[in-house]
N, C-alpha and C. Protein backbone atom coordinates (compact mmCIF):
# COMPACT_ATOMS: atom_id res chain seq x y z
N MET A 1 4.13 17.13 -2.53
CA MET A 1 3.96 16.02 -2.21
C MET A 1 5.59 14.99 -2.90
N ILE A 2 5.51 13.89 -2.44
CA ILE A 2 6.80 12.94 -2.68
C ILE A 2 6.71 12.19 -3.84
N ASP A 3 7.44 11.97 -4.99
CA ASP A 3 7.04 11.31 -5.26
C ASP A 3 7.28 9.88 -5.59
N GLN A 4 7.45 8.98 -6.23
CA GLN A 4 7.97 7.89 -6.19
C GLN A 4 9.36 7.47 -6.11
N ALA A 5 9.87 8.73 -6.74
CA ALA A 5 10.97 8.69 -6.85
C ALA A 5 11.98 9.44 -5.39
N GLY A 6 11.10 9.56 -4.56
CA GLY A 6 11.37 9.78 -3.42
C GLY A 6 11.43 8.99 -2.20
N LEU A 7 10.72 8.09 -2.71
CA LEU A 7 10.07 7.12 -1.51
C LEU A 7 11.16 6.59 -0.83
N GLY A 8 12.10 6.18 -1.51
CA GLY A 8 13.60 5.09 -0.66
C GLY A 8 14.23 6.04 0.18
N GLN A 9 14.92 7.27 -0.57
CA GLN A 9 15.38 8.46 0.80
C GLN A 9 14.08 8.60 1.73
N LYS A 10 13.08 8.87 1.74
CA LYS A 10 11.96 9.02 3.00
C LYS A 10 12.23 7.71 4.10
N LEU A 11 11.91 6.82 3.15
CA LEU A 11 12.44 5.13 3.76
C LEU A 11 13.57 5.33 4.83
N ARG A 12 14.56 5.90 4.32
CA ARG A 12 16.13 5.82 4.59
C ARG A 12 15.40 6.90 5.81
N GLU A 13 15.31 7.95 5.88
CA GLU A 13 15.53 9.14 7.00
C GLU A 13 14.53 8.82 8.10
N LEU A 14 13.40 7.87 7.54
CA LEU A 14 12.67 7.29 9.14
C LEU A 14 13.64 5.55 10.00
N ARG A 15 14.20 5.55 8.99
CA ARG A 15 14.96 3.93 9.69
C ARG A 15 16.03 4.82 10.56
N ARG A 16 16.91 5.99 9.67
CA ARG A 16 17.76 6.67 10.73
C ARG A 16 17.33 7.17 11.70
N GLN A 17 16.16 7.62 11.51
CA GLN A 17 15.51 8.38 12.96
C GLN A 17 15.44 7.35 14.10
N ARG A 18 15.02 6.25 13.61
CA ARG A 18 15.12 5.54 14.99
C ARG A 18 16.14 4.71 14.99
N ALA A 19 17.26 4.57 14.56
CA ALA A 19 18.51 4.30 14.93
C ALA A 19 18.73 2.97 14.40
N MET A 20 18.02 2.75 13.91
CA MET A 20 17.65 1.57 13.00
C MET A 20 18.76 0.60 12.04
N THR A 21 19.18 -0.78 12.27
CA THR A 21 20.28 -0.89 10.79
C THR A 21 19.61 -1.13 10.07
N LEU A 22 20.11 -1.87 8.68
CA LEU A 22 19.45 -2.62 7.82
C LEU A 22 18.87 -3.95 7.86
N ALA A 23 20.39 -4.25 8.87
CA ALA A 23 20.23 -5.79 9.88
C ALA A 23 18.94 -5.73 10.19
N THR A 24 18.57 -5.05 11.35
CA THR A 24 17.77 -5.39 11.85
C THR A 24 16.34 -5.40 11.29
N LEU A 25 15.96 -4.58 10.37
CA LEU A 25 14.88 -3.99 9.40
C LEU A 25 14.32 -5.43 8.73
N SER A 26 15.69 -5.75 8.43
CA SER A 26 15.99 -7.29 7.37
C SER A 26 14.93 -7.94 8.21
N GLU A 27 15.48 -8.37 9.34
CA GLU A 27 15.18 -9.13 10.67
C GLU A 27 13.45 -9.15 10.49
N LYS A 28 13.13 -7.79 10.44
CA LYS A 28 11.27 -7.66 10.85
C LYS A 28 10.64 -7.45 9.38
N THR A 29 11.06 -7.35 8.55
CA THR A 29 10.65 -7.20 7.24
C THR A 29 10.74 -8.53 6.62
N ARG A 30 11.91 -9.34 6.49
CA ARG A 30 12.07 -10.37 6.41
C ARG A 30 12.34 -10.08 4.67
N TYR A 31 12.57 -9.09 3.90
CA TYR A 31 13.54 -8.42 3.39
C TYR A 31 14.82 -8.68 3.20
N SER A 32 15.85 -9.19 2.51
CA SER A 32 17.27 -9.07 2.85
C SER A 32 17.60 -7.64 2.70
N ALA A 33 18.91 -7.51 3.35
CA ALA A 33 19.40 -6.33 3.79
C ALA A 33 20.07 -5.85 2.68
N SER A 34 20.37 -6.64 1.44
CA SER A 34 20.95 -5.65 0.17
C SER A 34 19.63 -5.25 -0.80
N ALA A 35 18.60 -5.88 -0.39
CA ALA A 35 17.45 -5.33 -0.93
C ALA A 35 16.73 -4.18 -0.56
N LEU A 36 16.84 -3.89 0.88
CA LEU A 36 16.36 -2.88 1.84
C LEU A 36 17.20 -1.76 0.88
N SER A 37 18.86 -2.13 0.88
CA SER A 37 19.69 -1.01 0.30
C SER A 37 19.49 -0.50 -1.21
N LYS A 38 18.89 -1.60 -1.81
CA LYS A 38 18.48 -1.34 -3.26
C LYS A 38 17.07 -0.31 -2.84
N MET A 39 16.34 -0.88 -2.11
CA MET A 39 15.03 -0.24 -2.27
C MET A 39 15.37 1.43 -1.65
N GLU A 40 16.18 1.57 -0.52
CA GLU A 40 16.17 2.95 -0.10
C GLU A 40 17.13 4.02 -1.04
N ASN A 41 18.01 3.11 -2.19
CA ASN A 41 18.85 3.70 -3.19
C ASN A 41 18.26 3.83 -4.53
N GLU A 42 16.39 3.18 -4.40
CA GLU A 42 15.94 3.84 -5.96
C GLU A 42 16.39 2.62 -6.53
N LEU A 43 17.31 1.50 -6.75
CA LEU A 43 17.53 1.08 -7.44
C LEU A 43 16.63 -0.32 -7.93
N LEU A 44 15.60 -0.08 -6.88
CA LEU A 44 14.64 -1.81 -6.90
C LEU A 44 13.23 -0.74 -6.51
N GLY A 45 11.83 -1.36 -7.31
CA GLY A 45 11.12 -0.67 -6.95
C GLY A 45 10.43 -1.21 -5.60
N LEU A 46 9.71 0.15 -5.31
CA LEU A 46 8.46 0.01 -4.12
C LEU A 46 7.26 -0.38 -4.71
N THR A 47 6.48 -1.81 -3.89
CA THR A 47 5.12 -1.91 -4.64
C THR A 47 4.76 -1.65 -3.22
N TYR A 48 3.13 -1.87 -3.00
CA TYR A 48 2.40 -1.77 -1.86
C TYR A 48 2.27 -2.68 -1.07
N ASP A 49 3.27 -4.00 -0.89
CA ASP A 49 3.47 -4.96 -0.32
C ASP A 49 4.76 -4.53 0.41
N LYS A 50 5.39 -3.83 -0.20
CA LYS A 50 6.98 -3.58 0.32
C LYS A 50 6.88 -2.33 0.97
N LEU A 51 5.60 -1.54 0.52
CA LEU A 51 5.50 -0.30 1.46
C LEU A 51 4.77 -1.01 2.64
N THR A 52 4.04 -1.29 3.02
CA THR A 52 3.29 -1.56 4.05
C THR A 52 4.13 -2.67 4.90
N ARG A 53 4.74 -3.08 4.53
CA ARG A 53 6.24 -4.33 5.29
C ARG A 53 6.76 -3.07 5.70
N ILE A 54 7.48 -2.59 5.81
CA ILE A 54 8.71 -1.81 5.45
C ILE A 54 7.83 -0.71 7.06
N THR A 55 6.52 0.06 6.72
CA THR A 55 6.33 1.21 7.55
C THR A 55 5.96 0.33 8.54
N ALA A 56 5.79 -0.70 8.49
CA ALA A 56 4.77 -1.25 9.65
C ALA A 56 6.17 -1.82 10.83
N ALA A 57 7.18 -1.92 10.09
CA ALA A 57 8.17 -2.34 11.06
C ALA A 57 9.07 -1.14 11.54
N LEU A 58 8.57 -0.11 10.54
CA LEU A 58 9.28 0.75 11.54
C LEU A 58 8.14 1.95 12.55
N GLU A 59 6.90 1.39 12.50
CA GLU A 59 6.09 1.48 13.04
C GLU A 59 5.49 2.96 12.62
N VAL A 60 5.40 3.07 11.41
CA VAL A 60 5.22 4.82 10.68
C VAL A 60 3.76 4.57 10.20
N ASP A 61 3.14 5.37 10.06
CA ASP A 61 2.08 5.60 9.19
C ASP A 61 2.61 5.76 7.71
N ILE A 62 1.93 4.90 6.92
CA ILE A 62 2.11 5.14 5.40
C ILE A 62 2.36 6.65 4.56
N GLY A 63 0.98 7.19 5.76
CA GLY A 63 0.90 8.65 4.69
C GLY A 63 2.21 9.23 5.04
N SER A 64 2.84 9.24 5.68
CA SER A 64 4.62 10.01 6.51
C SER A 64 5.10 9.88 5.30
N LEU A 65 5.04 8.78 4.32
CA LEU A 65 6.34 8.96 3.20
C LEU A 65 5.63 9.89 2.45
N PHE A 66 4.72 10.68 2.58
CA PHE A 66 3.96 11.50 1.35
C PHE A 66 3.95 12.61 1.98
N VAL A 67 4.38 12.60 3.23
CA VAL A 67 4.26 14.79 3.60
C VAL A 67 5.46 14.72 4.72
N ASP A 68 5.62 16.15 4.64
CA ASP A 68 6.65 16.68 5.81
C ASP A 68 6.26 17.48 6.53
N THR A 69 5.23 17.11 6.76
CA THR A 69 4.84 18.10 8.09
C THR A 69 4.51 16.91 8.98
N PRO A 70 4.28 17.47 10.82
CA PRO A 70 4.22 16.42 11.93
C PRO A 70 3.33 15.44 11.48
N GLN A 71 3.24 14.33 12.45
CA GLN A 71 1.90 13.47 12.17
C GLN A 71 1.04 14.23 13.36
N VAL A 72 -0.39 14.26 13.02
CA VAL A 72 -1.21 14.82 13.95
C VAL A 72 -1.57 14.17 15.44
N PRO A 73 -1.56 14.68 16.69
CA PRO A 73 -1.07 13.95 18.11
C PRO A 73 -2.58 12.92 18.12
N PRO A 74 -2.42 11.79 18.70
CA PRO A 74 -3.43 10.89 18.70
C PRO A 74 -5.34 11.37 19.20
N GLN A 75 -4.70 12.41 20.30
CA GLN A 75 -6.31 12.97 20.55
C GLN A 75 -6.74 14.19 19.68
N ALA A 76 -6.21 14.14 18.81
CA ALA A 76 -6.55 15.60 17.70
C ALA A 76 -8.03 14.85 17.11
N ALA A 77 -9.06 15.89 16.91
CA ALA A 77 -10.32 15.63 16.02
C ALA A 77 -10.75 16.63 15.37
N GLY A 78 -11.45 16.44 14.54
CA GLY A 78 -11.98 17.34 14.11
C GLY A 78 -11.07 17.50 12.24
N ARG A 79 -10.80 16.10 11.94
CA ARG A 79 -9.73 16.12 10.55
C ARG A 79 -10.74 15.87 9.83
N ARG A 80 -10.52 16.15 8.79
CA ARG A 80 -11.18 15.84 7.52
C ARG A 80 -10.08 16.43 6.01
N SER A 81 -10.02 15.45 4.82
CA SER A 81 -9.55 16.00 3.61
C SER A 81 -10.41 15.67 2.40
N ILE A 82 -10.35 16.51 1.42
CA ILE A 82 -11.08 16.33 0.24
C ILE A 82 -10.22 16.48 -0.79
N ALA A 83 -10.91 15.39 -1.50
CA ALA A 83 -9.62 15.05 -2.49
C ALA A 83 -10.56 15.30 -3.88
N ARG A 84 -10.07 16.29 -5.11
CA ARG A 84 -10.55 16.39 -5.92
C ARG A 84 -10.54 15.45 -6.90
N ARG A 85 -10.97 15.16 -8.00
CA ARG A 85 -10.61 14.42 -9.39
C ARG A 85 -9.17 13.92 -9.68
N GLY A 86 -8.80 13.10 -9.38
CA GLY A 86 -7.28 13.14 -9.64
C GLY A 86 -5.87 13.76 -8.85
N GLN A 87 -6.64 14.04 -7.84
CA GLN A 87 -5.86 14.53 -6.32
C GLN A 87 -5.41 13.62 -5.96
N GLY A 88 -4.14 13.36 -5.31
CA GLY A 88 -3.27 12.16 -4.08
C GLY A 88 -1.89 11.87 -4.70
N VAL A 89 -1.63 10.95 -4.21
CA VAL A 89 -0.59 10.54 -4.72
C VAL A 89 -0.32 9.23 -5.26
N ASN A 90 0.53 9.37 -6.63
CA ASN A 90 0.42 8.44 -7.31
C ASN A 90 1.75 7.59 -7.80
N ILE A 91 1.15 6.18 -7.65
CA ILE A 91 2.40 5.26 -7.33
C ILE A 91 2.27 4.33 -8.71
N HIS A 92 3.18 4.45 -9.17
CA HIS A 92 3.02 2.73 -10.57
C HIS A 92 3.84 2.27 -10.23
N THR A 93 3.15 1.10 -10.48
CA THR A 93 4.08 -0.60 -10.18
C THR A 93 3.98 -1.50 -11.62
N GLY A 94 4.70 -2.06 -11.83
CA GLY A 94 4.53 -3.02 -13.23
C GLY A 94 3.33 -3.52 -13.22
N PHE A 95 2.25 -3.64 -12.13
CA PHE A 95 1.03 -4.06 -12.80
C PHE A 95 -0.13 -3.35 -12.03
N TYR A 96 -0.28 -2.49 -11.20
CA TYR A 96 -0.78 -1.53 -10.95
C TYR A 96 -0.35 -0.14 -10.63
N ASP A 97 -1.51 0.48 -11.03
CA ASP A 97 -1.15 2.24 -11.04
C ASP A 97 -2.27 2.58 -9.58
N TYR A 98 -1.39 3.18 -8.52
CA TYR A 98 -2.25 3.29 -7.83
C TYR A 98 -2.75 4.93 -7.28
N LEU A 99 -3.56 5.33 -6.95
CA LEU A 99 -3.87 6.74 -6.35
C LEU A 99 -4.37 6.85 -5.08
N TYR A 100 -2.92 7.29 -3.97
CA TYR A 100 -3.70 7.26 -2.51
C TYR A 100 -4.16 8.63 -2.29
N LEU A 101 -5.46 8.80 -2.02
CA LEU A 101 -6.32 9.85 -1.08
C LEU A 101 -6.01 9.78 0.03
N ALA A 102 -6.21 10.92 0.36
CA ALA A 102 -5.87 11.79 1.76
C ALA A 102 -4.70 11.32 2.16
N PRO A 103 -3.89 11.51 1.72
CA PRO A 103 -2.55 11.10 1.54
C PRO A 103 -1.46 12.04 2.91
N GLU A 104 -1.88 13.19 3.30
CA GLU A 104 -1.83 14.61 4.22
C GLU A 104 -2.29 14.24 5.68
N LEU A 105 -3.27 12.91 5.32
CA LEU A 105 -3.68 12.61 7.34
C LEU A 105 -2.88 11.26 6.97
N SER A 106 -2.10 11.20 8.69
CA SER A 106 -1.41 10.68 9.04
C SER A 106 -2.92 10.12 10.10
N ARG A 107 -2.23 8.40 10.66
CA ARG A 107 -2.82 7.52 11.68
C ARG A 107 -3.92 7.70 11.32
N LYS A 108 -4.32 7.12 10.20
CA LYS A 108 -5.69 6.88 9.52
C LYS A 108 -6.06 5.26 9.83
N ARG A 109 -7.16 5.13 9.84
CA ARG A 109 -8.01 3.50 10.54
C ARG A 109 -7.37 3.04 9.09
N PHE A 110 -7.75 3.16 8.36
CA PHE A 110 -7.79 2.83 6.63
C PHE A 110 -7.43 3.77 5.23
N LEU A 111 -6.63 2.62 4.26
CA LEU A 111 -5.92 3.27 3.40
C LEU A 111 -7.11 3.41 2.46
N PRO A 112 -7.38 4.55 1.78
CA PRO A 112 -8.17 4.37 0.52
C PRO A 112 -7.74 4.60 -0.85
N VAL A 113 -7.76 4.40 -1.86
CA VAL A 113 -6.76 3.93 -3.28
C VAL A 113 -7.76 3.50 -4.45
N LEU A 114 -7.20 4.28 -5.05
CA LEU A 114 -7.79 4.41 -6.61
C LEU A 114 -7.02 3.31 -7.06
N GLY A 115 -7.25 2.60 -8.46
CA GLY A 115 -6.59 1.84 -8.95
C GLY A 115 -6.55 1.59 -10.12
N LYS A 116 -5.44 0.90 -10.86
CA LYS A 116 -6.01 0.64 -12.40
C LYS A 116 -5.42 -0.66 -12.26
N VAL A 117 -6.09 -1.29 -12.81
CA VAL A 117 -4.93 -2.90 -13.25
C VAL A 117 -4.46 -3.21 -14.33
N HIS A 118 -3.47 -4.13 -14.45
CA HIS A 118 -2.62 -3.99 -16.06
C HIS A 118 -2.45 -5.16 -16.07
N ALA A 119 -2.22 -5.73 -15.35
CA ALA A 119 -1.62 -7.54 -16.04
C ALA A 119 -2.84 -7.73 -16.04
N SER A 120 -2.59 -8.64 -17.28
CA SER A 120 -3.79 -9.36 -17.79
C SER A 120 -3.98 -11.24 -17.69
N SER A 121 -2.69 -11.19 -16.92
CA SER A 121 -2.75 -13.09 -16.43
C SER A 121 -2.10 -13.25 -15.48
N ILE A 122 -2.29 -14.54 -14.32
CA ILE A 122 -1.75 -14.64 -13.49
C ILE A 122 0.12 -14.56 -13.39
N GLU A 123 -0.01 -15.45 -14.93
CA GLU A 123 1.01 -15.44 -15.41
C GLU A 123 2.46 -14.42 -15.35
N GLU A 124 1.81 -13.60 -16.08
CA GLU A 124 2.69 -11.95 -15.72
C GLU A 124 2.55 -11.41 -14.25
N PHE A 125 1.34 -11.74 -14.02
CA PHE A 125 1.61 -10.92 -12.32
C PHE A 125 2.65 -11.31 -11.58
N GLY A 126 2.35 -13.10 -11.56
CA GLY A 126 3.47 -13.45 -10.86
C GLY A 126 3.11 -14.17 -9.78
N PRO A 127 4.43 -14.35 -8.58
CA PRO A 127 3.95 -14.52 -6.93
C PRO A 127 2.81 -13.70 -6.78
N LEU A 128 2.10 -14.12 -6.27
CA LEU A 128 0.69 -13.57 -5.33
C LEU A 128 1.49 -12.57 -4.14
N ILE A 129 0.56 -11.33 -3.91
CA ILE A 129 1.42 -10.40 -3.05
C ILE A 129 0.27 -10.66 -1.21
N ARG A 130 0.67 -10.50 -0.63
CA ARG A 130 0.15 -10.34 0.97
C ARG A 130 0.90 -9.47 1.63
N HIS A 131 -0.27 -8.84 2.45
CA HIS A 131 0.53 -7.98 3.69
C HIS A 131 -0.92 -7.86 4.73
N GLU A 132 -0.27 -7.17 5.52
CA GLU A 132 -1.31 -7.27 6.84
C GLU A 132 -2.73 -6.36 6.49
N GLY A 133 -3.35 -7.25 7.45
CA GLY A 133 -5.09 -6.37 7.72
C GLY A 133 -5.85 -6.83 7.00
N GLU A 134 -7.22 -6.49 6.34
CA GLU A 134 -7.58 -6.51 5.16
C GLU A 134 -7.92 -5.75 4.44
N GLU A 135 -8.77 -6.31 3.30
CA GLU A 135 -9.04 -5.41 1.95
C GLU A 135 -10.41 -5.81 1.22
N TRP A 136 -10.70 -4.32 0.83
CA TRP A 136 -11.94 -4.69 0.36
C TRP A 136 -11.97 -3.76 -1.05
N MET A 137 -11.98 -4.68 -2.32
CA MET A 137 -12.09 -3.99 -3.50
C MET A 137 -13.20 -4.19 -4.20
N TYR A 138 -13.50 -2.87 -5.25
CA TYR A 138 -14.97 -2.80 -5.98
C TYR A 138 -14.29 -2.47 -7.32
N VAL A 139 -15.15 -2.67 -8.22
CA VAL A 139 -14.49 -2.35 -9.65
C VAL A 139 -15.63 -1.46 -10.51
N LEU A 140 -14.77 -0.66 -10.51
CA LEU A 140 -15.52 0.79 -11.31
C LEU A 140 -15.71 0.28 -12.62
N LYS A 141 -14.32 0.06 -13.36
CA LYS A 141 -15.21 -0.27 -14.71
C LYS A 141 -14.16 -1.51 -15.08
N GLY A 142 -14.37 -2.01 -16.19
CA GLY A 142 -14.11 -3.09 -16.52
C GLY A 142 -14.05 -4.37 -16.31
N ARG A 143 -13.42 -5.50 -16.28
CA ARG A 143 -13.57 -6.72 -15.58
C ARG A 143 -12.75 -7.63 -14.67
N VAL A 144 -12.50 -7.55 -13.59
CA VAL A 144 -11.31 -8.29 -12.94
C VAL A 144 -11.57 -9.62 -12.57
N GLU A 145 -10.08 -10.44 -12.36
CA GLU A 145 -10.35 -11.91 -12.26
C GLU A 145 -9.82 -11.68 -10.49
N VAL A 146 -10.01 -12.24 -9.81
CA VAL A 146 -8.98 -12.50 -8.10
C VAL A 146 -8.83 -13.77 -8.09
N HIS A 147 -7.32 -13.92 -7.84
CA HIS A 147 -7.16 -15.16 -7.39
C HIS A 147 -6.54 -15.03 -6.24
N SER A 148 -6.59 -15.91 -5.47
CA SER A 148 -6.26 -15.75 -4.01
C SER A 148 -6.03 -17.42 -3.43
N GLU A 149 -5.03 -17.38 -2.21
CA GLU A 149 -4.55 -18.48 -2.25
C GLU A 149 -5.13 -19.55 -1.83
N PHE A 150 -6.97 -19.79 -1.46
CA PHE A 150 -7.62 -20.41 -1.05
C PHE A 150 -8.84 -20.81 -1.54
N TYR A 151 -9.15 -19.91 -2.62
CA TYR A 151 -10.27 -20.35 -3.24
C TYR A 151 -9.85 -20.44 -5.06
N GLU A 152 -10.56 -20.83 -5.60
CA GLU A 152 -10.71 -20.68 -7.10
C GLU A 152 -10.49 -18.96 -7.66
N PRO A 153 -9.56 -18.86 -8.51
CA PRO A 153 -10.65 -17.54 -9.44
C PRO A 153 -11.53 -17.16 -9.49
N GLU A 154 -11.59 -15.91 -9.07
CA GLU A 154 -13.45 -15.91 -9.31
C GLU A 154 -13.58 -14.54 -10.22
N ILE A 155 -14.65 -14.17 -10.59
CA ILE A 155 -14.42 -13.05 -12.06
C ILE A 155 -15.58 -12.20 -11.55
N LEU A 156 -14.79 -10.82 -11.10
CA LEU A 156 -16.08 -9.73 -10.94
C LEU A 156 -16.21 -8.31 -11.56
N ASP A 157 -17.23 -8.21 -12.13
CA ASP A 157 -17.69 -7.15 -13.29
C ASP A 157 -17.61 -6.05 -12.54
N GLU A 158 -18.44 -5.07 -13.40
CA GLU A 158 -18.58 -3.32 -12.95
C GLU A 158 -19.26 -3.74 -12.01
N GLY A 159 -19.19 -3.14 -10.59
CA GLY A 159 -20.04 -3.11 -9.44
C GLY A 159 -20.38 -4.03 -8.75
N ASP A 160 -19.25 -5.25 -8.65
CA ASP A 160 -19.23 -6.31 -7.74
C ASP A 160 -17.86 -6.07 -6.96
N SER A 161 -17.97 -6.65 -6.04
CA SER A 161 -16.77 -6.43 -4.89
C SER A 161 -16.65 -7.48 -4.28
N ILE A 162 -15.30 -7.52 -3.25
CA ILE A 162 -14.61 -8.35 -2.39
C ILE A 162 -13.87 -7.91 -1.38
N TYR A 163 -14.29 -8.74 -0.07
CA TYR A 163 -13.76 -8.68 0.56
C TYR A 163 -12.93 -9.95 1.29
N LEU A 164 -11.79 -9.04 1.76
CA LEU A 164 -10.75 -10.43 1.42
C LEU A 164 -9.41 -10.08 3.03
N ASP A 165 -9.13 -11.30 3.54
CA ASP A 165 -8.09 -10.67 4.29
C ASP A 165 -6.83 -10.92 3.89
N SER A 166 -6.12 -10.07 3.46
CA SER A 166 -4.85 -9.44 2.72
C SER A 166 -3.76 -10.32 3.13
N ARG A 167 -3.84 -11.08 4.31
CA ARG A 167 -2.54 -12.16 4.92
C ARG A 167 -2.48 -13.36 3.74
N MET A 168 -3.51 -13.14 3.49
CA MET A 168 -3.73 -14.73 2.12
C MET A 168 -2.96 -14.01 0.70
N GLY A 169 -2.39 -14.68 0.36
CA GLY A 169 -2.06 -14.36 -1.11
C GLY A 169 -3.15 -13.95 -2.24
N HIS A 170 -3.07 -13.05 -3.20
CA HIS A 170 -3.85 -12.80 -3.67
C HIS A 170 -3.80 -11.37 -5.11
N ALA A 171 -4.42 -11.36 -6.09
CA ALA A 171 -3.86 -11.07 -7.48
C ALA A 171 -5.20 -10.32 -7.90
N PHE A 172 -5.10 -9.06 -8.15
CA PHE A 172 -5.88 -8.87 -9.07
C PHE A 172 -5.84 -8.87 -10.76
N ILE A 173 -6.45 -9.15 -11.44
CA ILE A 173 -6.21 -9.44 -13.03
C ILE A 173 -6.59 -8.84 -13.77
N SER A 174 -6.87 -7.97 -14.86
CA SER A 174 -7.40 -7.45 -15.68
C SER A 174 -7.88 -8.23 -16.59
N LYS A 175 -9.33 -7.88 -16.89
CA LYS A 175 -9.97 -9.24 -18.20
C LYS A 175 -10.13 -7.89 -19.42
N THR A 176 -10.02 -6.94 -19.18
CA THR A 176 -10.40 -5.96 -19.76
C THR A 176 -9.24 -5.29 -20.73
N ALA A 177 -9.14 -5.22 -21.96
CA ALA A 177 -8.25 -3.93 -22.55
C ALA A 177 -8.20 -3.20 -22.38
N GLY A 178 -6.96 -2.53 -22.10
CA GLY A 178 -5.97 -1.23 -21.47
C GLY A 178 -6.66 -1.21 -20.30
N GLY A 179 -6.78 -2.25 -19.36
CA GLY A 179 -6.87 -2.24 -17.89
C GLY A 179 -8.40 -1.94 -17.38
N ALA A 180 -8.44 -2.44 -16.58
CA ALA A 180 -9.33 -2.20 -15.37
C ALA A 180 -9.26 -1.52 -14.31
N GLU A 181 -10.33 -0.56 -13.86
CA GLU A 181 -10.17 0.38 -12.69
C GLU A 181 -11.26 -0.04 -11.40
N ILE A 182 -10.23 -0.35 -10.23
CA ILE A 182 -10.90 -0.38 -8.83
C ILE A 182 -10.80 0.89 -7.77
N ILE A 183 -11.27 0.94 -7.19
CA ILE A 183 -11.00 0.98 -5.99
C ILE A 183 -11.07 0.62 -4.79
N SER A 184 -10.23 0.23 -3.16
CA SER A 184 -9.70 -0.34 -2.69
C SER A 184 -9.55 0.65 -1.13
N ILE A 185 -10.62 -0.21 -0.47
CA ILE A 185 -10.04 0.03 0.79
C ILE A 185 -9.16 -0.54 1.77
N SER A 186 -8.19 -0.66 2.54
CA SER A 186 -7.21 -1.71 3.05
C SER A 186 -7.18 -0.92 4.49
N THR A 187 -6.97 -1.74 5.25
CA THR A 187 -6.74 -1.67 6.67
C THR A 187 -5.17 -1.52 6.77
N ASP A 188 -4.34 -0.74 7.50
CA ASP A 188 -3.50 -0.73 7.53
C ASP A 188 -2.32 -0.92 8.67
N SER A 189 -1.41 -1.62 8.78
CA SER A 189 -1.06 -3.06 10.17
C SER A 189 0.32 -1.36 11.00
N ALA A 190 0.84 -0.64 10.02
CA ALA A 190 1.51 0.37 10.40
C ALA A 190 0.50 1.64 11.37
N GLU A 191 -0.76 1.71 10.88
CA GLU A 191 -1.43 2.37 11.45
C GLU A 191 -1.73 2.14 12.59
N GLU A 192 -2.33 0.56 12.80
CA GLU A 192 -2.75 -0.32 14.05
C GLU A 192 -1.67 -0.20 15.13
N LEU A 193 -0.53 -0.45 14.52
CA LEU A 193 0.38 -0.80 15.98
C LEU A 193 0.23 0.72 16.29
N ILE A 194 0.71 1.79 15.26
CA ILE A 194 0.84 3.59 16.29
C ILE A 194 -0.75 3.08 17.24
N HIS A 195 -1.69 3.30 16.89
CA HIS A 195 -2.85 3.28 17.50
C HIS A 195 -2.92 2.64 19.07
N ALA A 196 -2.54 1.18 19.00
CA ALA A 196 -2.28 0.43 19.56
C ALA A 196 -0.80 0.79 20.71
N LYS A 197 -0.09 2.09 20.51
CA LYS A 197 0.68 2.09 21.50
C LYS A 197 0.67 3.69 21.68
N SER A 198 -0.30 4.28 21.61
CA SER A 198 -0.83 5.80 21.45
C SER A 198 -1.51 5.68 23.09
N PRO A 199 -1.40 6.83 23.51
CA PRO A 199 -1.89 6.66 24.79
C PRO A 199 -3.10 6.73 24.65
N LYS A 200 -4.45 6.40 25.68
CA LYS A 200 -5.51 6.48 25.50
C LYS A 200 -6.48 7.62 26.04
């Protein structure tokens, strides 16, 4: 299992395997070469938004950041992954804690994630995030305020859910002391690109 401390190095390895310069990756991701260098050298944090945008530009499965085994060929069948309670890959950001489930499976059609929301106000959260694909979020525990680019904020209680276009700026804010718990399922542009380029 690769913890967050190793993600920068893994991204650098994947970029070099593709003979891609920081300048080229910068053009594809719209992050500056300086910022990308800091991410690779673990001087700048890696959020979900950053990971999805960079892996999409590298045309790799986001799951490849968490395992060192070869990817499953696109024609493989009969895959499965069982995640026991608490198992997965933890990524901690300033406002969310993510537990990525089934990280050993490459070429997934979607990303299942358990999360804990910490930010208690949109001012604390800062700019809305956006990434390719679509996302479904379900509130497991607590109360979540959903901010989105084209809609007024909406309060979701336990058992409520939202489906949204992830390209629209959005943020999940906890309205529960100690944080709210959610489950999220997101489509991943990197995996969609790989699937599109795979032999039929």
